Amino acid sequence: MKRTLIQSATIITMDDRIGDVRDGDVLVENGRIPRCVRASSLAAARRKPRL
């Protein structure tokens, strides 16, 4: 599986519910984008301790 993470990007979406995202991270897997989040959300998730 080929994976690429693009970090701190300005993401232009075609979804009015989401709108455009500044400082976002995009995960690309095998030519598809399964996940797109604000960079601050991903950083916060990384800081959460695992139980």
PDB file of N, CA and C in Angstrom:
ATOM      1  N   MET A   1       0.839  -1.167   0.000  1.00  0.00           N
ATOM      2  CA  MET A   1       0.000   0.000   0.000  1.00  0.00           C
ATOM      3  C   MET A   1       0.890   1.238   0.000  1.00  0.00           C
ATOM      4  N   LYS A   2       0.708   2.112  -0.959  1.00  0.00           N
ATOM      5  CA  LYS A   2       1.463   3.347  -1.035  1.00  0.00           C
ATOM      6  C   LYS A   2       0.700   4.446  -0.297  1.00  0.00           C
ATOM      7  N   ARG A   3       1.400   5.108   0.630  1.00  0.00           N
ATOM      8  CA  ARG A   3       0.779   6.170   1.417  1.00  0.00           C
ATOM      9  C   ARG A   3       1.644   7.426   1.352  1.00  0.00           C
ATOM     10  N   THR A   4       0.983   8.569   1.220  1.00  0.00           N
ATOM     11  CA  THR A   4       1.657   9.857   1.228  1.00  0.00           C
ATOM     12  C   THR A   4       0.878  10.788   2.143  1.00  0.00           C
ATOM     13  N   LEU A   5       1.585  11.497   3.022  1.00  0.00           N
ATOM     14  CA  LEU A   5       0.952  12.477   3.906  1.00  0.00           C
ATOM     15  C   LEU A   5       1.440  13.854   3.497  1.00  0.00           C
ATOM     16  N   ILE A   6       0.508  14.707   3.118  1.00  0.00           N
ATOM     17  CA  ILE A   6       0.808  16.093   2.773  1.00  0.00           C
ATOM     18  C   ILE A   6       0.409  16.933   3.979  1.00  0.00           C
ATOM     19  N   GLN A   7       1.350  17.689   4.521  1.00  0.00           N
ATOM     20  CA  GLN A   7       1.100  18.426   5.761  1.00  0.00           C
ATOM     21  C   GLN A   7       1.078  19.932   5.534  1.00  0.00           C
ATOM     22  N   SER A   8       0.303  20.612   6.383  1.00  0.00           N
ATOM     23  CA  SER A   8       0.220  22.083   6.415  1.00  0.00           C
ATOM     24  C   SER A   8      -0.149  22.662   5.054  1.00  0.00           C
ATOM     25  N   ALA A   9      -1.149  22.075   4.421  1.00  0.00           N
ATOM     26  CA  ALA A   9      -1.580  22.503   3.089  1.00  0.00           C
ATOM     27  C   ALA A   9      -2.864  23.317   3.161  1.00  0.00           C
ATOM     28  N   THR A  10      -3.090  24.134   2.147  1.00  0.00           N
ATOM     29  CA  THR A  10      -4.387  24.765   1.963  1.00  0.00           C
ATOM     30  C   THR A  10      -5.181  23.830   1.065  1.00  0.00           C
ATOM     31  N   ILE A  11      -6.312  23.350   1.564  1.00  0.00           N
ATOM     32  CA  ILE A  11      -7.104  22.341   0.865  1.00  0.00           C
ATOM     33  C   ILE A  11      -8.384  22.998   0.337  1.00  0.00           C
ATOM     34  N   ILE A  12      -8.567  22.928  -0.961  1.00  0.00           N
ATOM     35  CA  ILE A  12      -9.762  23.462  -1.606  1.00  0.00           C
ATOM     36  C   ILE A  12     -10.707  22.289  -1.835  1.00  0.00           C
ATOM     37  N   THR A  13     -11.858  22.309  -1.159  1.00  0.00           N
ATOM     38  CA  THR A  13     -12.816  21.211  -1.300  1.00  0.00           C
ATOM     39  C   THR A  13     -13.963  21.630  -2.202  1.00  0.00           C
ATOM     40  N   MET A  14     -14.712  20.662  -2.652  1.00  0.00           N
ATOM     41  CA  MET A  14     -15.909  20.906  -3.447  1.00  0.00           C
ATOM     42  C   MET A  14     -17.151  20.691  -2.593  1.00  0.00           C
ATOM     43  N   ASP A  15     -16.973  20.601  -1.285  1.00  0.00           N
ATOM     44  CA  ASP A  15     -18.064  20.323  -0.353  1.00  0.00           C
ATOM     45  C   ASP A  15     -18.377  21.580   0.460  1.00  0.00           C
ATOM     46  N   ASP A  16     -19.557  22.142   0.256  1.00  0.00           N
ATOM     47  CA  ASP A  16     -19.946  23.365   0.971  1.00  0.00           C
ATOM     48  C   ASP A  16     -20.033  23.152   2.477  1.00  0.00           C
ATOM     49  N   ARG A  17     -20.326  21.931   2.910  1.00  0.00           N
ATOM     50  CA  ARG A  17     -20.402  21.661   4.350  1.00  0.00           C
ATOM     51  C   ARG A  17     -19.039  21.786   5.014  1.00  0.00           C
ATOM     52  N   ILE A  18     -17.991  21.391   4.308  1.00  0.00           N
ATOM     53  CA  ILE A  18     -16.638  21.430   4.857  1.00  0.00           C
ATOM     54  C   ILE A  18     -15.973  22.768   4.585  1.00  0.00           C
ATOM     55  N   GLY A  19     -16.140  23.266   3.372  1.00  0.00           N
ATOM     56  CA  GLY A  19     -15.474  24.506   2.979  1.00  0.00           C
ATOM     57  C   GLY A  19     -13.992  24.258   2.741  1.00  0.00           C
ATOM     58  N   ASP A  20     -13.253  25.337   2.565  1.00  0.00           N
ATOM     59  CA  ASP A  20     -11.816  25.220   2.358  1.00  0.00           C
ATOM     60  C   ASP A  20     -11.118  25.140   3.704  1.00  0.00           C
ATOM     61  N   VAL A  21      -9.979  24.460   3.737  1.00  0.00           N
ATOM     62  CA  VAL A  21      -9.245  24.231   4.982  1.00  0.00           C
ATOM     63  C   VAL A  21      -7.849  24.821   4.839  1.00  0.00           C
ATOM     64  N   ARG A  22      -7.507  25.720   5.749  1.00  0.00           N
ATOM     65  CA  ARG A  22      -6.141  26.239   5.793  1.00  0.00           C
ATOM     66  C   ARG A  22      -5.353  25.429   6.803  1.00  0.00           C
ATOM     67  N   ASP A  23      -4.107  25.195   6.521  1.00  0.00           N
ATOM     68  CA  ASP A  23      -3.231  24.438   7.402  1.00  0.00           C
ATOM     69  C   ASP A  23      -3.809  23.052   7.692  1.00  0.00           C
ATOM     70  N   GLY A  24      -4.097  22.336   6.626  1.00  0.00           N
ATOM     71  CA  GLY A  24      -4.664  20.992   6.767  1.00  0.00           C
ATOM     72  C   GLY A  24      -3.690  19.912   6.350  1.00  0.00           C
ATOM     73  N   ASP A  25      -3.978  18.697   6.757  1.00  0.00           N
ATOM     74  CA  ASP A  25      -3.184  17.526   6.388  1.00  0.00           C
ATOM     75  C   ASP A  25      -4.050  16.605   5.534  1.00  0.00           C
ATOM     76  N   VAL A  26      -3.451  16.048   4.490  1.00  0.00           N
ATOM     77  CA  VAL A  26      -4.159  15.158   3.576  1.00  0.00           C
ATOM     78  C   VAL A  26      -3.405  13.839   3.504  1.00  0.00           C
ATOM     79  N   LEU A  27      -4.108  12.746   3.748  1.00  0.00           N
ATOM     80  CA  LEU A  27      -3.540  11.416   3.600  1.00  0.00           C
ATOM     81  C   LEU A  27      -3.993  10.862   2.254  1.00  0.00           C
ATOM     82  N   VAL A  28      -3.031  10.418   1.444  1.00  0.00           N
ATOM     83  CA  VAL A  28      -3.332   9.810   0.143  1.00  0.00           C
ATOM     84  C   VAL A  28      -2.883   8.348   0.208  1.00  0.00           C
ATOM     85  N   GLU A  29      -3.826   7.434  -0.043  1.00  0.00           N
ATOM     86  CA  GLU A  29      -3.539   5.997  -0.056  1.00  0.00           C
ATOM     87  C   GLU A  29      -3.947   5.426  -1.404  1.00  0.00           C
ATOM     88  N   ASN A  30      -2.960   4.893  -2.114  1.00  0.00           N
ATOM     89  CA  ASN A  30      -3.226   4.268  -3.411  1.00  0.00           C
ATOM     90  C   ASN A  30      -4.030   5.165  -4.341  1.00  0.00           C
ATOM     91  N   GLY A  31      -3.686   6.446  -4.382  1.00  0.00           N
ATOM     92  CA  GLY A  31      -4.342   7.386  -5.281  1.00  0.00           C
ATOM     93  C   GLY A  31      -5.675   7.918  -4.797  1.00  0.00           C
ATOM     94  N   ARG A  32      -6.095   7.557  -3.603  1.00  0.00           N
ATOM     95  CA  ARG A  32      -7.360   8.033  -3.042  1.00  0.00           C
ATOM     96  C   ARG A  32      -7.095   8.805  -1.758  1.00  0.00           C
ATOM     97  N   ILE A  33      -8.027   9.694  -1.409  1.00  0.00           N
ATOM     98  CA  ILE A  33      -7.885  10.482  -0.189  1.00  0.00           C
ATOM     99  C   ILE A  33      -8.924  10.006   0.831  1.00  0.00           C
ATOM    100  N   PRO A  34      -8.518   9.116   1.743  1.00  0.00           N
ATOM    101  CA  PRO A  34      -9.462   8.618   2.744  1.00  0.00           C
ATOM    102  C   PRO A  34      -9.625   9.564   3.929  1.00  0.00           C
ATOM    103  N   ARG A  35      -8.675  10.513   4.084  1.00  0.00           N
ATOM    104  CA  ARG A  35      -8.733  11.362   5.275  1.00  0.00           C
ATOM    105  C   ARG A  35      -8.130  12.721   4.985  1.00  0.00           C
ATOM    106  N   CYS A  36      -8.809  13.742   5.501  1.00  0.00           N
ATOM    107  CA  CYS A  36      -8.354  15.120   5.365  1.00  0.00           C
ATOM    108  C   CYS A  36      -8.757  15.828   6.649  1.00  0.00           C
ATOM    109  N   VAL A  37      -7.796  16.354   7.394  1.00  0.00           N
ATOM    110  CA  VAL A  37      -8.107  17.001   8.674  1.00  0.00           C
ATOM    111  C   VAL A  37      -7.302  18.279   8.827  1.00  0.00           C
ATOM    112  N   ARG A  38      -7.761  19.125   9.730  1.00  0.00           N
ATOM    113  CA  ARG A  38      -6.977  20.313  10.079  1.00  0.00           C
ATOM    114  C   ARG A  38      -5.712  19.843  10.777  1.00  0.00           C
ATOM    115  N   ALA A  39      -4.621  20.485  10.484  1.00  0.00           N
ATOM    116  CA  ALA A  39      -3.332  20.076  11.049  1.00  0.00           C
ATOM    117  C   ALA A  39      -3.370  20.098  12.572  1.00  0.00           C
ATOM    118  N   SER A  40      -4.065  21.055  13.164  1.00  0.00           N
ATOM    119  CA  SER A  40      -4.143  21.130  14.625  1.00  0.00           C
ATOM    120  C   SER A  40      -4.879  19.921  15.199  1.00  0.00           C
ATOM    121  N   SER A  41      -5.864  19.371  14.473  1.00  0.00           N
ATOM    122  CA  SER A  41      -6.588  18.176  14.928  1.00  0.00           C
ATOM    123  C   SER A  41      -5.675  16.966  14.950  1.00  0.00           C
ATOM    124  N   LEU A  42      -4.852  16.838  13.935  1.00  0.00           N
ATOM    125  CA  LEU A  42      -3.934  15.706  13.857  1.00  0.00           C
ATOM    126  C   LEU A  42      -2.868  15.819  14.940  1.00  0.00           C
ATOM    127  N   ALA A  43      -2.359  17.022  15.170  1.00  0.00           N
ATOM    128  CA  ALA A  43      -1.345  17.229  16.204  1.00  0.00           C
ATOM    129  C   ALA A  43      -1.918  16.902  17.576  1.00  0.00           C
ATOM    130  N   ALA A  44      -3.157  17.296  17.824  1.00  0.00           N
ATOM    131  CA  ALA A  44      -3.801  17.009  19.113  1.00  0.00           C
ATOM    132  C   ALA A  44      -3.979  15.510  19.291  1.00  0.00           C
ATOM    133  N   ALA A  45      -4.350  14.819  18.227  1.00  0.00           N
ATOM    134  CA  ALA A  45      -4.532  13.356  18.308  1.00  0.00           C
ATOM    135  C   ALA A  45      -3.210  12.655  18.606  1.00  0.00           C
ATOM    136  N   ARG A  46      -2.130  13.178  18.085  1.00  0.00           N
ATOM    137  CA  ARG A  46      -0.825  12.579  18.328  1.00  0.00           C
ATOM    138  C   ARG A  46      -0.388  12.764  19.780  1.00  0.00           C
ATOM    139  N   ARG A  47      -0.848  13.845  20.431  1.00  0.00           N
ATOM    140  CA  ARG A  47      -0.437  14.125  21.804  1.00  0.00           C
ATOM    141  C   ARG A  47      -1.241  13.335  22.831  1.00  0.00           C
ATOM    142  N   LYS A  48      -2.390  12.786  22.445  1.00  0.00           N
ATOM    143  CA  LYS A  48      -3.223  12.057  23.396  1.00  0.00           C
ATOM    144  C   LYS A  48      -2.507  10.788  23.849  1.00  0.00           C
ATOM    145  N   PRO A  49      -2.456  10.565  25.144  1.00  0.00           N
ATOM    146  CA  PRO A  49      -1.792   9.354  25.625  1.00  0.00           C
ATOM    147  C   PRO A  49      -2.629   8.112  25.307  1.00  0.00           C
ATOM    148  N   ARG A  50      -1.970   7.031  25.001  1.00  0.00           N
ATOM    149  CA  ARG A  50      -2.663   5.763  24.754  1.00  0.00           C
ATOM    150  C   ARG A  50      -2.809   5.020  26.062  1.00  0.00           C
ATOM    151  N   LEU A  51      -3.962   4.418  26.259  1.00  0.00           N
ATOM    152  CA  LEU A  51      -4.223   3.663  27.496  1.00  0.00           C
ATOM    153  C   LEU A  51      -3.942   2.201  27.298  1.00  0.00           C
TER     154      LEU A  51
END
